[in-house]
Each structure stands twice: as structure tokens, then as C-alpha cells.
Amino acid sequence: HQMDGDRPPASGSADLMALEQAIRSIHEQA
């Protein structure tokens, strides 16, 4: 989405929370 020019997820949005959780999961368990 970023490469396609979309805006980043809004602060506090479900999309941003999902991204944060995904990054945390990869960082801690991958």
C-alpha cells in the first residue's frame, strides 16, 4: 500500500494496531 502511494494507517486505527502487533510478533517470535 505504501509503494502504491496510500496514506499510512491513522493513529489508533484497527489497521495500525494490526500492523503494530504484526511487527511485534515478528520481532519477538519469528
PDB file of all heavy atoms in Angstrom:
ATOM      1  N   HIS A   1       0.828  -1.210   0.000  1.00  0.00           N
ATOM      2  CA  HIS A   1       0.000   0.000   0.000  1.00  0.00           C
ATOM      3  C   HIS A   1       0.864   1.263   0.000  1.00  0.00           C
ATOM      4  O   HIS A   1       0.528   2.246  -0.681  1.00  0.00           O
ATOM      5  CB  HIS A   1      -0.956   0.013   1.190  1.00  0.00           C
ATOM      6  CG  HIS A   1      -2.069  -0.971   1.062  1.00  0.00           C
ATOM      7  ND1 HIS A   1      -3.040  -0.879   0.094  1.00  0.00           N
ATOM      8  CD2 HIS A   1      -2.363  -2.089   1.774  1.00  0.00           C
ATOM      9  CE1 HIS A   1      -3.886  -1.891   0.204  1.00  0.00           C
ATOM     10  NE2 HIS A   1      -3.490  -2.639   1.218  1.00  0.00           N
ATOM     11  N   GLN A   2       1.959   1.261   0.743  1.00  0.00           N
ATOM     12  CA  GLN A   2       2.832   2.425   0.777  1.00  0.00           C
ATOM     13  C   GLN A   2       3.493   2.642  -0.578  1.00  0.00           C
ATOM     14  O   GLN A   2       3.601   3.770  -1.053  1.00  0.00           O
ATOM     15  CB  GLN A   2       3.890   2.280   1.877  1.00  0.00           C
ATOM     16  CG  GLN A   2       3.305   2.295   3.273  1.00  0.00           C
ATOM     17  CD  GLN A   2       2.464   3.518   3.525  1.00  0.00           C
ATOM     18  OE1 GLN A   2       2.976   4.623   3.598  1.00  0.00           O
ATOM     19  NE2 GLN A   2       1.159   3.328   3.640  1.00  0.00           N
ATOM     20  N   MET A   3       3.919   1.573  -1.219  1.00  0.00           N
ATOM     21  CA  MET A   3       4.531   1.680  -2.544  1.00  0.00           C
ATOM     22  C   MET A   3       3.515   2.164  -3.576  1.00  0.00           C
ATOM     23  O   MET A   3       3.886   2.769  -4.575  1.00  0.00           O
ATOM     24  CB  MET A   3       5.119   0.330  -2.983  1.00  0.00           C
ATOM     25  CG  MET A   3       6.311  -0.133  -2.182  1.00  0.00           C
ATOM     26  SD  MET A   3       7.783   0.881  -2.414  1.00  0.00           S
ATOM     27  CE  MET A   3       8.099   0.682  -4.149  1.00  0.00           C
ATOM     28  N   ASP A   4       2.235   1.908  -3.336  1.00  0.00           N
ATOM     29  CA  ASP A   4       1.172   2.354  -4.242  1.00  0.00           C
ATOM     30  C   ASP A   4       0.718   3.774  -3.933  1.00  0.00           C
ATOM     31  O   ASP A   4      -0.195   4.290  -4.570  1.00  0.00           O
ATOM     32  CB  ASP A   4      -0.025   1.406  -4.168  1.00  0.00           C
ATOM     33  CG  ASP A   4       0.268   0.058  -4.807  1.00  0.00           C
ATOM     34  OD1 ASP A   4       1.258  -0.050  -5.559  1.00  0.00           O
ATOM     35  OD2 ASP A   4      -0.491  -0.890  -4.560  1.00  0.00           O
ATOM     36  N   GLY A   5       1.326   4.411  -2.929  1.00  0.00           N
ATOM     37  CA  GLY A   5       1.030   5.800  -2.621  1.00  0.00           C
ATOM     38  C   GLY A   5      -0.082   6.018  -1.613  1.00  0.00           C
ATOM     39  O   GLY A   5      -0.526   7.151  -1.424  1.00  0.00           O
ATOM     40  N   ASP A   6      -0.534   4.963  -0.954  1.00  0.00           N
ATOM     41  CA  ASP A   6      -1.582   5.120   0.051  1.00  0.00           C
ATOM     42  C   ASP A   6      -1.037   5.814   1.294  1.00  0.00           C
ATOM     43  O   ASP A   6       0.162   5.791   1.570  1.00  0.00           O
ATOM     44  CB  ASP A   6      -2.157   3.757   0.463  1.00  0.00           C
ATOM     45  CG  ASP A   6      -2.943   3.090  -0.649  1.00  0.00           C
ATOM     46  OD1 ASP A   6      -3.141   3.712  -1.707  1.00  0.00           O
ATOM     47  OD2 ASP A   6      -3.351   1.935  -0.459  1.00  0.00           O
ATOM     48  N   ARG A   7      -1.952   6.399   2.057  1.00  0.00           N
ATOM     49  CA  ARG A   7      -1.576   7.021   3.332  1.00  0.00           C
ATOM     50  C   ARG A   7      -1.331   5.919   4.370  1.00  0.00           C
ATOM     51  O   ARG A   7      -1.975   4.878   4.319  1.00  0.00           O
ATOM     52  CB  ARG A   7      -2.708   7.909   3.828  1.00  0.00           C
ATOM     53  CG  ARG A   7      -2.904   9.140   3.003  1.00  0.00           C
ATOM     54  CD  ARG A   7      -4.088   9.946   3.543  1.00  0.00           C
ATOM     55  NE  ARG A   7      -3.927  11.314   3.151  1.00  0.00           N
ATOM     56  CZ  ARG A   7      -3.539  12.286   3.972  1.00  0.00           C
ATOM     57  NH1 ARG A   7      -3.328  12.039   5.233  1.00  0.00           N
ATOM     58  NH2 ARG A   7      -3.394  13.514   3.526  1.00  0.00           N
ATOM     59  N   PRO A   8      -0.451   6.176   5.310  1.00  0.00           N
ATOM     60  CA  PRO A   8      -0.274   5.214   6.405  1.00  0.00           C
ATOM     61  C   PRO A   8      -1.562   5.111   7.220  1.00  0.00           C
ATOM     62  O   PRO A   8      -2.375   6.045   7.200  1.00  0.00           O
ATOM     63  CB  PRO A   8       0.845   5.827   7.251  1.00  0.00           C
ATOM     64  CG  PRO A   8       1.471   6.873   6.413  1.00  0.00           C
ATOM     65  CD  PRO A   8       0.460   7.317   5.408  1.00  0.00           C
ATOM     66  N   PRO A   9      -1.744   4.024   7.929  1.00  0.00           N
ATOM     67  CA  PRO A   9      -2.945   3.893   8.764  1.00  0.00           C
ATOM     68  C   PRO A   9      -3.019   5.031   9.791  1.00  0.00           C
ATOM     69  O   PRO A   9      -1.998   5.478  10.312  1.00  0.00           O
ATOM     70  CB  PRO A   9      -2.765   2.552   9.475  1.00  0.00           C
ATOM     71  CG  PRO A   9      -1.732   1.822   8.695  1.00  0.00           C
ATOM     72  CD  PRO A   9      -0.879   2.848   8.029  1.00  0.00           C
ATOM     73  N   ALA A  10      -4.217   5.463  10.056  1.00  0.00           N
ATOM     74  CA  ALA A  10      -4.428   6.557  11.017  1.00  0.00           C
ATOM     75  C   ALA A  10      -4.074   6.107  12.429  1.00  0.00           C
ATOM     76  O   ALA A  10      -4.243   4.935  12.784  1.00  0.00           O
ATOM     77  CB  ALA A  10      -5.881   7.007  10.960  1.00  0.00           C
ATOM     78  N   SER A  11      -3.628   7.051  13.216  1.00  0.00           N
ATOM     79  CA  SER A  11      -3.307   6.782  14.612  1.00  0.00           C
ATOM     80  C   SER A  11      -4.522   6.195  15.327  1.00  0.00           C
ATOM     81  O   SER A  11      -5.633   6.713  15.200  1.00  0.00           O
ATOM     82  CB  SER A  11      -2.881   8.087  15.280  1.00  0.00           C
ATOM     83  OG  SER A  11      -2.577   7.868  16.630  1.00  0.00           O
ATOM     84  N   GLY A  12      -4.299   5.102  16.024  1.00  0.00           N
ATOM     85  CA  GLY A  12      -5.360   4.469  16.790  1.00  0.00           C
ATOM     86  C   GLY A  12      -6.302   3.601  15.976  1.00  0.00           C
ATOM     87  O   GLY A  12      -7.221   3.003  16.529  1.00  0.00           O
ATOM     88  N   SER A  13      -6.077   3.502  14.660  1.00  0.00           N
ATOM     89  CA  SER A  13      -6.970   2.704  13.810  1.00  0.00           C
ATOM     90  C   SER A  13      -6.700   1.209  13.984  1.00  0.00           C
ATOM     91  O   SER A  13      -5.628   0.800  14.453  1.00  0.00           O
ATOM     92  CB  SER A  13      -6.787   3.086  12.343  1.00  0.00           C
ATOM     93  OG  SER A  13      -5.509   2.661  11.881  1.00  0.00           O
ATOM     94  N   ALA A  14      -7.674   0.421  13.600  1.00  0.00           N
ATOM     95  CA  ALA A  14      -7.518  -1.041  13.660  1.00  0.00           C
ATOM     96  C   ALA A  14      -6.376  -1.491  12.766  1.00  0.00           C
ATOM     97  O   ALA A  14      -5.626  -2.413  13.125  1.00  0.00           O
ATOM     98  CB  ALA A  14      -8.827  -1.714  13.249  1.00  0.00           C
ATOM     99  N   ASP A  15      -6.208  -0.832  11.603  1.00  0.00           N
ATOM    100  CA  ASP A  15      -5.116  -1.209  10.695  1.00  0.00           C
ATOM    101  C   ASP A  15      -3.750  -0.946  11.326  1.00  0.00           C
ATOM    102  O   ASP A  15      -2.835  -1.760  11.199  1.00  0.00           O
ATOM    103  CB  ASP A  15      -5.225  -0.449   9.375  1.00  0.00           C
ATOM    104  CG  ASP A  15      -6.352  -0.950   8.495  1.00  0.00           C
ATOM    105  OD1 ASP A  15      -6.841  -2.082   8.708  1.00  0.00           O
ATOM    106  OD2 ASP A  15      -6.748  -0.206   7.571  1.00  0.00           O
ATOM    107  N   LEU A  16      -3.614   0.187  11.994  1.00  0.00           N
ATOM    108  CA  LEU A  16      -2.342   0.499  12.637  1.00  0.00           C
ATOM    109  C   LEU A  16      -2.078  -0.470  13.792  1.00  0.00           C
ATOM    110  O   LEU A  16      -0.954  -0.948  13.965  1.00  0.00           O
ATOM    111  CB  LEU A  16      -2.302   1.936  13.136  1.00  0.00           C
ATOM    112  CG  LEU A  16      -0.980   2.366  13.773  1.00  0.00           C
ATOM    113  CD1 LEU A  16       0.178   2.211  12.796  1.00  0.00           C
ATOM    114  CD2 LEU A  16      -1.074   3.792  14.283  1.00  0.00           C
ATOM    115  N   MET A  17      -3.094  -0.778  14.557  1.00  0.00           N
ATOM    116  CA  MET A  17      -2.911  -1.724  15.665  1.00  0.00           C
ATOM    117  C   MET A  17      -2.528  -3.110  15.142  1.00  0.00           C
ATOM    118  O   MET A  17      -1.671  -3.780  15.723  1.00  0.00           O
ATOM    119  CB  MET A  17      -4.161  -1.773  16.532  1.00  0.00           C
ATOM    120  CG  MET A  17      -4.341  -0.489  17.350  1.00  0.00           C
ATOM    121  SD  MET A  17      -5.640  -0.554  18.598  1.00  0.00           S
ATOM    122  CE  MET A  17      -7.099  -0.570  17.581  1.00  0.00           C
ATOM    123  N   ALA A  18      -3.120  -3.527  14.023  1.00  0.00           N
ATOM    124  CA  ALA A  18      -2.775  -4.827  13.429  1.00  0.00           C
ATOM    125  C   ALA A  18      -1.331  -4.820  12.948  1.00  0.00           C
ATOM    126  O   ALA A  18      -0.597  -5.805  13.139  1.00  0.00           O
ATOM    127  CB  ALA A  18      -3.720  -5.154  12.275  1.00  0.00           C
ATOM    128  N   LEU A  19      -0.899  -3.709  12.326  1.00  0.00           N
ATOM    129  CA  LEU A  19       0.485  -3.596  11.874  1.00  0.00           C
ATOM    130  C   LEU A  19       1.447  -3.628  13.050  1.00  0.00           C
ATOM    131  O   LEU A  19       2.471  -4.319  13.016  1.00  0.00           O
ATOM    132  CB  LEU A  19       0.666  -2.313  11.055  1.00  0.00           C
ATOM    133  CG  LEU A  19       2.063  -2.053  10.510  1.00  0.00           C
ATOM    134  CD1 LEU A  19       2.520  -3.175   9.584  1.00  0.00           C
ATOM    135  CD2 LEU A  19       2.097  -0.699   9.801  1.00  0.00           C
ATOM    136  N   GLU A  20       1.140  -2.875  14.096  1.00  0.00           N
ATOM    137  CA  GLU A  20       1.994  -2.869  15.286  1.00  0.00           C
ATOM    138  C   GLU A  20       2.115  -4.263  15.886  1.00  0.00           C
ATOM    139  O   GLU A  20       3.208  -4.697  16.259  1.00  0.00           O
ATOM    140  CB  GLU A  20       1.442  -1.892  16.328  1.00  0.00           C
ATOM    141  CG  GLU A  20       1.595  -0.441  15.939  1.00  0.00           C
ATOM    142  CD  GLU A  20       0.871   0.497  16.886  1.00  0.00           C
ATOM    143  OE1 GLU A  20       0.075   0.045  17.742  1.00  0.00           O
ATOM    144  OE2 GLU A  20       1.094   1.719  16.763  1.00  0.00           O
ATOM    145  N   GLN A  21       1.012  -4.975  15.978  1.00  0.00           N
ATOM    146  CA  GLN A  21       1.030  -6.333  16.525  1.00  0.00           C
ATOM    147  C   GLN A  21       1.834  -7.265  15.623  1.00  0.00           C
ATOM    148  O   GLN A  21       2.580  -8.112  16.101  1.00  0.00           O
ATOM    149  CB  GLN A  21      -0.396  -6.862  16.707  1.00  0.00           C
ATOM    150  CG  GLN A  21      -0.454  -8.267  17.271  1.00  0.00           C
ATOM    151  CD  GLN A  21       0.265  -8.410  18.613  1.00  0.00           C
ATOM    152  OE1 GLN A  21       0.184  -7.534  19.463  1.00  0.00           O
ATOM    153  NE2 GLN A  21       0.973  -9.502  18.785  1.00  0.00           N
ATOM    154  N   ALA A  22       1.692  -7.103  14.312  1.00  0.00           N
ATOM    155  CA  ALA A  22       2.438  -7.941  13.371  1.00  0.00           C
ATOM    156  C   ALA A  22       3.942  -7.721  13.528  1.00  0.00           C
ATOM    157  O   ALA A  22       4.720  -8.677  13.575  1.00  0.00           O
ATOM    158  CB  ALA A  22       1.993  -7.642  11.943  1.00  0.00           C
ATOM    159  N   ILE A  23       4.344  -6.471  13.623  1.00  0.00           N
ATOM    160  CA  ILE A  23       5.765  -6.150  13.790  1.00  0.00           C
ATOM    161  C   ILE A  23       6.274  -6.702  15.118  1.00  0.00           C
ATOM    162  O   ILE A  23       7.350  -7.304  15.185  1.00  0.00           O
ATOM    163  CB  ILE A  23       6.000  -4.636  13.679  1.00  0.00           C
ATOM    164  CG1 ILE A  23       5.729  -4.182  12.249  1.00  0.00           C
ATOM    165  CG2 ILE A  23       7.414  -4.263  14.120  1.00  0.00           C
ATOM    166  CD1 ILE A  23       5.661  -2.679  12.072  1.00  0.00           C
ATOM    167  N   ARG A  24       5.502  -6.526  16.161  1.00  0.00           N
ATOM    168  CA  ARG A  24       5.887  -7.044  17.476  1.00  0.00           C
ATOM    169  C   ARG A  24       6.044  -8.571  17.426  1.00  0.00           C
ATOM    170  O   ARG A  24       7.008  -9.132  17.936  1.00  0.00           O
ATOM    171  CB  ARG A  24       4.842  -6.646  18.516  1.00  0.00           C
ATOM    172  CG  ARG A  24       5.255  -6.936  19.947  1.00  0.00           C
ATOM    173  CD  ARG A  24       4.230  -6.407  20.961  1.00  0.00           C
ATOM    174  NE  ARG A  24       4.032  -4.965  20.808  1.00  0.00           N
ATOM    175  CZ  ARG A  24       2.917  -4.383  20.351  1.00  0.00           C
ATOM    176  NH1 ARG A  24       1.875  -5.109  20.013  1.00  0.00           N
ATOM    177  NH2 ARG A  24       2.835  -3.074  20.246  1.00  0.00           N
ATOM    178  N   SER A  25       5.105  -9.232  16.787  1.00  0.00           N
ATOM    179  CA  SER A  25       5.143 -10.689  16.671  1.00  0.00           C
ATOM    180  C   SER A  25       6.388 -11.158  15.918  1.00  0.00           C
ATOM    181  O   SER A  25       7.073 -12.094  16.344  1.00  0.00           O
ATOM    182  CB  SER A  25       3.884 -11.181  15.950  1.00  0.00           C
ATOM    183  OG  SER A  25       3.956 -12.553  15.683  1.00  0.00           O
ATOM    184  N   ILE A  26       6.680 -10.511  14.809  1.00  0.00           N
ATOM    185  CA  ILE A  26       7.876 -10.867  14.028  1.00  0.00           C
ATOM    186  C   ILE A  26       9.125 -10.616  14.860  1.00  0.00           C
ATOM    187  O   ILE A  26      10.037 -11.451  14.910  1.00  0.00           O
ATOM    188  CB  ILE A  26       7.924 -10.064  12.705  1.00  0.00           C
ATOM    189  CG1 ILE A  26       6.842 -10.545  11.743  1.00  0.00           C
ATOM    190  CG2 ILE A  26       9.302 -10.139  12.060  1.00  0.00           C
ATOM    191  CD1 ILE A  26       7.016 -11.948  11.212  1.00  0.00           C
ATOM    192  N   HIS A  27       9.167  -9.482  15.509  1.00  0.00           N
ATOM    193  CA  HIS A  27      10.347  -9.122  16.307  1.00  0.00           C
ATOM    194  C   HIS A  27      10.593 -10.116  17.441  1.00  0.00           C
ATOM    195  O   HIS A  27      11.731 -10.476  17.730  1.00  0.00           O
ATOM    196  CB  HIS A  27      10.174  -7.706  16.869  1.00  0.00           C
ATOM    197  CG  HIS A  27      11.317  -7.250  17.699  1.00  0.00           C
ATOM    198  ND1 HIS A  27      12.538  -6.919  17.175  1.00  0.00           N
ATOM    199  CD2 HIS A  27      11.421  -7.072  19.040  1.00  0.00           C
ATOM    200  CE1 HIS A  27      13.354  -6.574  18.164  1.00  0.00           C
ATOM    201  NE2 HIS A  27      12.697  -6.646  19.296  1.00  0.00           N
ATOM    202  N   GLU A  28       9.537 -10.560  18.073  1.00  0.00           N
ATOM    203  CA  GLU A  28       9.676 -11.414  19.260  1.00  0.00           C
ATOM    204  C   GLU A  28       9.738 -12.907  18.950  1.00  0.00           C
ATOM    205  O   GLU A  28      10.341 -13.659  19.712  1.00  0.00           O
ATOM    206  CB  GLU A  28       8.505 -11.153  20.210  1.00  0.00           C
ATOM    207  CG  GLU A  28       8.528  -9.757  20.808  1.00  0.00           C
ATOM    208  CD  GLU A  28       7.284  -9.431  21.616  1.00  0.00           C
ATOM    209  OE1 GLU A  28       6.323 -10.240  21.620  1.00  0.00           O
ATOM    210  OE2 GLU A  28       7.259  -8.353  22.242  1.00  0.00           O
ATOM    211  N   GLN A  29       9.106 -13.363  17.863  1.00  0.00           N
ATOM    212  CA  GLN A  29       8.922 -14.799  17.697  1.00  0.00           C
ATOM    213  C   GLN A  29       9.354 -15.387  16.357  1.00  0.00           C
ATOM    214  O   GLN A  29       9.335 -16.600  16.206  1.00  0.00           O
ATOM    215  CB  GLN A  29       7.436 -15.139  17.859  1.00  0.00           C
ATOM    216  CG  GLN A  29       6.833 -14.671  19.135  1.00  0.00           C
ATOM    217  CD  GLN A  29       5.321 -14.843  19.129  1.00  0.00           C
ATOM    218  OE1 GLN A  29       4.752 -15.493  18.270  1.00  0.00           O
ATOM    219  NE2 GLN A  29       4.664 -14.252  20.110  1.00  0.00           N
ATOM    220  N   ALA A  30       9.687 -14.573  15.379  1.00  0.00           N
ATOM    221  CA  ALA A  30       9.915 -15.096  14.035  1.00  0.00           C
ATOM    222  C   ALA A  30      11.108 -16.034  13.974  1.00  0.00           C
ATOM    223  O   ALA A  30      12.144 -15.784  14.588  1.00  0.00           O
ATOM    224  CB  ALA A  30      10.101 -13.953  13.047  1.00  0.00           C
TER     225      ALA A  30
END
